[in-house]
Protein backbone atom coordinates (compact mmCIF):
# COMPACT_ATOMS: atom_id res chain seq x y z
CA UNK A 1 52.78 -43.64 22.92
CA UNK A 2 55.32 -46.46 22.73
CA UNK A 3 55.86 -46.79 18.94
CA UNK A 4 57.23 -42.77 18.75
CA UNK A 5 59.54 -43.56 21.39
CA UNK A 6 62.87 -44.03 19.22
CA UNK A 7 61.79 -41.17 17.30
CA UNK A 8 61.80 -39.39 20.50
CA UNK A 9 65.10 -40.65 21.83
CA UNK A 10 66.55 -39.65 18.31
CA UNK A 11 65.23 -36.20 18.60
CA UNK A 12 67.04 -36.10 22.24
CA UNK A 13 70.12 -37.49 20.84
CA UNK A 14 70.20 -34.51 18.21
CA UNK A 15 69.31 -32.01 20.11
CA UNK A 16 70.21 -32.22 23.70
CA UNK A 17 69.72 -28.77 24.89
CA UNK A 18 66.00 -28.66 23.76
CA UNK A 19 62.72 -29.97 26.01
CA UNK A 20 60.63 -32.48 24.35
CA UNK A 21 56.48 -31.81 25.20
CA UNK A 22 54.71 -34.85 24.45
CA UNK A 23 50.62 -34.29 24.87
CA UNK A 24 48.46 -37.17 25.41
CA UNK A 25 44.92 -38.24 24.78
CA UNK A 26 44.38 -41.09 27.14
CA UNK A 27 45.18 -41.42 30.82
CA UNK A 28 47.17 -44.55 29.62
CA UNK A 29 49.17 -42.62 26.98
CA UNK A 30 50.01 -40.01 29.33
CA UNK A 31 51.06 -42.58 32.17
CA UNK A 32 53.48 -44.02 29.28
CA UNK A 33 55.17 -40.57 28.57
CA UNK A 34 55.79 -40.31 31.74
CA UNK A 35 57.80 -43.43 32.26
CA UNK A 36 59.59 -42.35 29.13
CA UNK A 37 60.09 -38.62 29.75
CA UNK A 38 63.71 -37.75 30.52
CA UNK A 39 64.31 -34.94 33.20
CA UNK A 40 63.31 -31.74 32.05
CA UNK A 41 61.16 -32.99 29.32
CA UNK A 42 57.24 -32.22 29.85
CA UNK A 43 54.33 -34.32 29.79
CA UNK A 44 50.58 -33.30 29.73
CA UNK A 45 47.19 -33.94 27.99
CA UNK A 46 46.45 -32.32 24.61
CA UNK A 47 44.59 -29.12 25.02
CA UNK A 48 41.02 -28.65 23.71
CA UNK A 49 41.20 -28.31 19.82
CA UNK A 50 40.01 -24.79 20.12
CA UNK A 51 41.54 -21.86 18.38
CA UNK A 52 42.15 -19.85 21.50
CA UNK A 53 43.09 -22.29 24.04
CA UNK A 54 45.29 -23.70 21.16
CA UNK A 55 46.88 -20.03 20.33
CA UNK A 56 47.33 -19.92 24.70
CA UNK A 57 48.89 -23.01 24.87
CA UNK A 58 51.53 -22.75 21.65
CA UNK A 59 52.41 -18.84 22.71
CA UNK A 60 53.53 -20.68 26.17
CA UNK A 61 55.63 -23.19 24.98
CA UNK A 62 56.76 -21.78 21.68
CA UNK A 63 57.31 -25.47 20.11
CA UNK A 64 60.46 -25.53 17.33
CA UNK A 65 58.74 -27.98 15.74
CA UNK A 66 55.45 -30.39 16.05
CA UNK A 67 54.88 -33.95 15.61
CA UNK A 68 51.54 -35.37 14.83
CA UNK A 69 51.22 -39.49 15.46
CA UNK A 70 49.03 -41.85 15.68
CA UNK A 71 46.96 -40.11 13.49
CA UNK A 72 45.34 -37.84 16.05
CA UNK A 73 44.04 -35.01 13.62
CA UNK A 74 43.72 -31.49 15.19
CA UNK A 75 42.53 -28.74 12.92
CA UNK A 76 43.16 -25.83 14.77
CA UNK A 77 46.46 -26.62 15.90
CA UNK A 78 47.68 -27.99 12.73
CA UNK A 79 46.86 -24.41 10.82
CA UNK A 80 48.31 -22.66 13.99
């Protein structure tokens, strides 16, 4: 999580009107993400990589972009 903090800050600087959604796998990662998040950002645990769950999550949040860091591979998320 700490490794992508500069990237998140650059995104926030470039697109200040956008919310940043960070999903984490571990409790530690989630706590760090909450620590670094700005007002309006969303921090949550990554949804299960099941097609119907991913479809629901993407439908709810409608992300403009997806950035995968720290080698997390989620086949259903990537193909949606």
